[in-house]
Protein backbone atom coordinates (compact mmCIF):
# COMPACT_ATOMS: atom_id res chain seq x y z
CA MET A 1 125.98 126.99 66.81
CA GLY A 2 122.34 126.47 67.82
CA GLN A 3 120.76 127.85 71.07
CA VAL A 4 121.04 125.77 74.19
CA LEU A 5 117.83 125.48 76.03
CA THR A 6 119.11 124.12 79.38
CA GLU A 7 118.56 126.59 82.11
CA LYS A 8 115.83 128.43 80.37
CA THR A 9 112.26 129.04 81.53
CA ALA A 10 109.07 128.66 79.80
CA ILE A 11 105.52 129.42 80.18
CA ILE A 12 103.00 127.27 78.13
CA THR A 13 99.15 127.93 78.20
CA GLY A 14 96.82 125.07 77.55
CA ALA A 15 99.37 122.77 79.08
CA GLY A 16 96.86 120.06 80.47
CA ARG A 17 96.67 118.32 77.23
CA GLY A 18 97.25 117.88 73.64
CA ILE A 19 99.98 120.04 72.07
CA GLY A 20 100.55 121.85 75.44
CA ARG A 21 101.12 118.92 77.34
CA ALA A 22 103.45 117.45 74.75
CA THR A 23 105.43 120.73 74.44
CA ALA A 24 105.79 120.81 78.07
CA LEU A 25 107.45 117.46 78.22
CA ALA A 26 109.69 118.05 75.28
CA LEU A 27 110.90 121.30 76.88
CA ALA A 28 111.49 119.66 80.23
CA ASN A 29 113.44 116.95 78.58
CA GLU A 30 115.65 119.54 77.24
CA GLY A 31 116.21 120.98 80.65
CA VAL A 32 113.82 123.78 80.45
CA ALA A 33 111.95 124.81 83.77
CA VAL A 34 108.32 124.87 82.63
CA GLY A 35 105.49 126.90 83.93
CA LEU A 36 102.15 125.35 83.21
CA ILE A 37 98.84 127.35 82.72
CA ALA A 38 95.37 125.91 82.34
CA ARG A 39 91.91 126.22 83.57
CA THR A 40 91.73 122.63 84.99
CA ARG A 41 94.02 122.22 88.08
CA LYS A 42 93.92 118.40 88.05
CA GLU A 43 95.75 118.10 84.72
CA ILE A 44 98.35 120.48 85.07
CA GLU A 45 99.04 119.50 88.79
CA GLN A 46 99.55 116.04 87.56
CA LEU A 47 101.85 116.94 84.61
CA ALA A 48 104.14 118.98 87.11
CA LYS A 49 104.38 115.92 89.27
CA GLU A 50 105.29 113.83 86.17
CA ILE A 51 107.89 116.31 85.14
CA ARG A 52 109.40 116.58 88.66
CA SER A 53 109.35 112.93 88.76
CA LEU A 54 111.93 113.00 85.94
CA ARG A 55 114.08 115.52 87.73
CA GLY A 56 112.67 118.37 85.74
CA ARG A 57 111.59 121.78 86.98
CA ALA A 58 107.94 122.55 86.78
CA ALA A 59 105.35 124.81 88.49
CA PHE A 60 101.79 125.22 87.64
CA ALA A 61 98.97 128.19 88.10
CA VAL A 62 95.48 127.70 87.15
CA ALA A 63 93.92 130.59 85.05
CA ASP A 64 91.47 131.52 82.38
CA VAL A 65 93.68 133.18 79.75
CA SER A 66 90.85 135.36 78.78
CA ASP A 67 90.93 136.95 82.00
CA SER A 68 93.74 139.50 82.24
CA LYS A 69 93.94 139.73 86.02
CA GLN A 70 93.93 135.88 86.39
CA VAL A 71 96.92 135.88 83.78
CA GLU A 72 98.80 138.51 85.40
CA ALA A 73 98.72 136.74 88.84
CA ALA A 74 99.61 133.35 87.08
CA VAL A 75 102.55 134.74 85.31
CA GLU A 76 103.68 136.60 88.67
CA LYS A 77 103.31 133.21 90.62
CA LEU A 78 105.26 131.22 88.01
CA THR A 79 108.01 133.87 87.61
CA ASP A 80 108.34 133.91 91.46
CA GLU A 81 108.83 130.19 91.52
CA LEU A 82 110.89 129.46 88.37
CA GLY A 83 112.70 132.83 87.42
CA THR A 84 112.03 135.31 84.75
CA ILE A 85 110.75 133.94 81.43
CA ASP A 86 112.66 133.14 78.09
CA ILE A 87 110.00 131.34 76.20
CA LEU A 88 106.36 131.88 75.90
CA ILE A 89 104.25 129.19 74.11
CA ASN A 90 100.74 130.60 73.53
CA ASN A 91 98.79 127.43 72.82
CA ALA A 92 95.42 127.66 74.59
CA GLY A 93 92.51 127.62 72.30
CA ILE A 94 88.96 126.50 71.66
CA GLY A 95 87.08 125.76 68.49
CA LYS A 96 83.20 125.51 67.77
CA TYR A 97 82.01 124.96 64.14
CA GLY A 98 78.74 125.57 62.35
CA LYS A 99 76.93 127.60 59.79
CA PHE A 100 77.38 131.23 60.30
CA MET A 101 73.74 131.87 61.26
CA GLU A 102 73.87 129.20 63.59
CA LEU A 103 76.67 130.25 65.59
CA ASP A 104 75.70 132.34 68.42
CA THR A 105 77.38 135.75 69.28
CA GLU A 106 78.51 134.39 72.48
CA ASP A 107 80.26 131.61 70.58
CA TRP A 108 82.23 134.22 68.55
CA GLN A 109 82.97 136.14 71.75
CA ASN A 110 84.40 133.11 73.43
CA MET A 111 86.67 132.24 70.73
CA LEU A 112 88.03 135.54 70.47
CA ASN A 113 88.32 135.99 73.94
CA ILE A 114 90.42 132.96 74.34
CA ASN A 115 92.14 132.11 70.91
CA LEU A 116 93.11 135.86 70.47
CA MET A 117 92.68 137.86 73.54
CA GLY A 118 94.27 135.21 75.59
CA MET A 119 97.41 135.66 73.71
CA VAL A 120 97.25 139.38 74.04
CA HIS A 121 97.08 139.15 77.85
CA MET A 122 99.76 136.41 78.16
CA THR A 123 102.19 138.31 75.85
CA LYS A 124 101.61 141.66 77.80
CA ALA A 125 102.27 140.00 80.85
CA VAL A 126 105.47 138.30 79.82
CA LEU A 127 106.97 140.61 77.12
CA PRO A 128 108.29 143.18 79.58
CA GLN A 129 110.67 140.44 81.06
CA MET A 130 111.99 139.70 77.71
CA ILE A 131 112.65 143.16 76.63
CA ASP A 132 114.38 144.00 80.09
CA LYS A 133 116.63 140.91 79.33
CA GLN A 134 116.84 141.82 75.65
CA GLY A 135 115.92 138.27 74.33
CA GLY A 136 113.20 135.62 74.09
CA ASP A 137 111.00 133.60 72.11
CA ILE A 138 107.23 133.75 71.68
CA VAL A 139 105.43 130.87 69.88
CA ASN A 140 101.72 131.61 68.83
CA ILE A 141 99.69 128.56 67.83
CA SER A 142 97.39 129.34 64.99
CA SER A 143 96.04 126.98 62.53
CA SER A 144 95.71 126.18 58.92
CA SER A 145 92.19 127.90 59.33
CA GLY A 146 93.99 130.94 60.05
CA LEU A 147 95.62 130.85 56.31
CA LYS A 148 92.44 129.71 54.56
CA GLY A 149 88.67 130.00 55.77
CA THR A 150 86.79 126.96 55.41
CA LYS A 151 82.76 126.13 55.38
CA GLY A 152 81.76 126.12 59.11
CA SER A 153 84.73 127.60 60.38
CA SER A 154 83.90 131.33 60.21
CA ALA A 155 84.38 132.28 63.97
CA TYR A 156 87.35 129.98 64.53
CA SER A 157 88.88 131.13 61.31
CA ALA A 158 88.52 134.70 62.29
CA SER A 159 90.23 134.25 65.42
CA LYS A 160 93.16 132.11 63.95
CA PHE A 161 93.54 134.72 61.20
CA ALA A 162 93.92 137.42 63.91
CA VAL A 163 96.72 135.44 65.60
CA LEU A 164 98.64 135.53 62.41
CA GLY A 165 98.16 139.33 61.81
CA MET A 166 99.16 140.07 65.45
CA SER A 167 102.15 137.76 65.36
CA GLU A 168 103.58 139.28 62.11
CA ALA A 169 103.07 142.88 63.41
CA LEU A 170 104.61 142.01 66.93
CA MET A 171 107.51 140.39 65.36
CA GLN A 172 108.64 143.44 63.52
CA GLU A 173 108.08 145.56 66.83
CA VAL A 174 110.34 143.32 69.06
CA ARG A 175 112.89 141.95 66.75
CA PRO A 176 115.20 144.89 67.51
CA ASP A 177 115.15 143.61 71.20
CA ASN A 178 116.44 140.24 70.08
CA ILE A 179 112.94 138.69 70.69
CA ARG A 180 111.51 136.19 68.03
CA VAL A 181 107.81 135.75 67.51
CA PHE A 182 106.84 132.43 65.74
CA ALA A 183 103.47 131.73 64.31
CA LEU A 184 102.65 128.16 63.54
CA ALA A 185 99.72 127.15 61.38
CA PRO A 186 99.26 123.40 61.43
CA SER A 187 96.51 121.67 59.88
CA ARG A 188 94.64 118.80 61.78
CA VAL A 189 96.46 117.63 64.89
CA VAL A 190 95.08 114.69 66.88
CA THR A 191 94.08 116.05 70.04
CA GLY A 192 91.03 116.05 72.35
CA MET A 193 89.56 119.00 70.44
CA THR A 194 89.75 117.30 67.02
CA ASP A 195 89.15 113.79 67.73
CA SER A 196 85.71 112.66 66.43
CA GLY A 197 86.11 109.28 68.18
CA ASN A 198 85.51 107.55 64.75
CA GLU A 199 88.87 107.13 63.54
CA THR A 200 90.94 103.93 63.88
CA GLU A 201 94.18 104.18 65.44
CA GLN A 202 95.74 103.59 61.98
CA GLU A 203 93.57 106.40 60.59
CA LYS A 204 94.77 108.80 63.26
CA GLU A 205 98.34 107.96 62.40
CA LYS A 206 97.73 109.84 59.03
CA PHE A 207 97.42 113.13 60.95
CA MET A 208 100.02 114.99 63.03
CA GLN A 209 100.33 114.09 66.60
CA PRO A 210 100.82 116.70 69.51
CA GLU A 211 104.46 115.18 69.83
CA ASP A 212 105.20 116.21 66.17
CA ILE A 213 104.28 119.85 66.71
CA ALA A 214 106.26 119.72 70.10
CA GLU A 215 109.29 118.28 68.08
CA TYR A 216 108.99 121.12 65.67
CA ILE A 217 108.74 123.96 68.21
CA VAL A 218 111.86 122.60 70.22
CA SER A 219 113.90 122.58 66.79
CA GLN A 220 112.77 126.06 66.17
CA LEU A 221 113.85 127.26 69.72
CA LYS A 222 117.24 125.84 69.22
CA LEU A 223 117.98 127.83 66.24
CA ASN A 224 120.63 130.53 66.90
CA PRO A 225 118.84 133.65 67.93
CA ARG A 226 119.96 135.47 64.88
CA ILE A 227 118.05 133.05 62.75
CA PHE A 228 114.30 133.93 62.28
CA ILE A 229 111.62 132.41 60.18
CA PRO A 230 108.84 134.99 60.02
CA LEU A 231 105.78 132.66 59.47
CA SER A 232 106.23 129.16 59.70
CA LYS A 233 103.82 127.38 57.29
CA GLN A 234 105.69 124.07 56.93
CA TRP A 235 103.01 122.39 59.06
CA ALA A 236 99.99 123.77 57.09
CA THR A 237 99.19 120.33 55.49
CA ASN A 238 99.22 116.73 56.42
CA PRO A 239 101.13 114.35 53.97
CA PHE A 240 98.05 112.20 53.22
């Protein structure tokens, strides 16, 4: 029998839009209390209201995941409001592309600070709760760029490769505590970060939507806790 998500509590970073927003709504629909974290208050405040209007439980905290102090304060606030955390979705991320010599050192630092260190800060803040209760799920969103580097993506790929390495190592460390660490490596998902604005709606339908990733995450979380897939590459390519 699979795992029932009702009554569980999740924290989702980058929750204001795209994959984060879709995942928050999907989890709330399963009866999960969702804690929303993003840098923009308006988006997560509106999302929390939307979830509550559907009789779900939601709370939000504004935080930059690259700042460990802000992360600690946000996790403390959400834990106080919703209860101890069972699920962590590390989704917040940024991307900037260009030739290696054209990317500033600051561009590299920003991507590493958010895409990698943001996950480190969040996981360090939440993991002790999971270890105490001897159970939990951590989902880290990487990218197909974390599986194979491509022209113009040196900094972004470096950050996403690091996410996969960290996830696989952490998985081995915390599995004895009945904690699962999933790492997803999707190729292009139609979000604000990837939408060039030139595609037609029909063309966009050829690529994965945030709701597709959210559906997949929920299905993984529903698996019996004894079932574990070390690194999910099923979403590495689109079908077209």
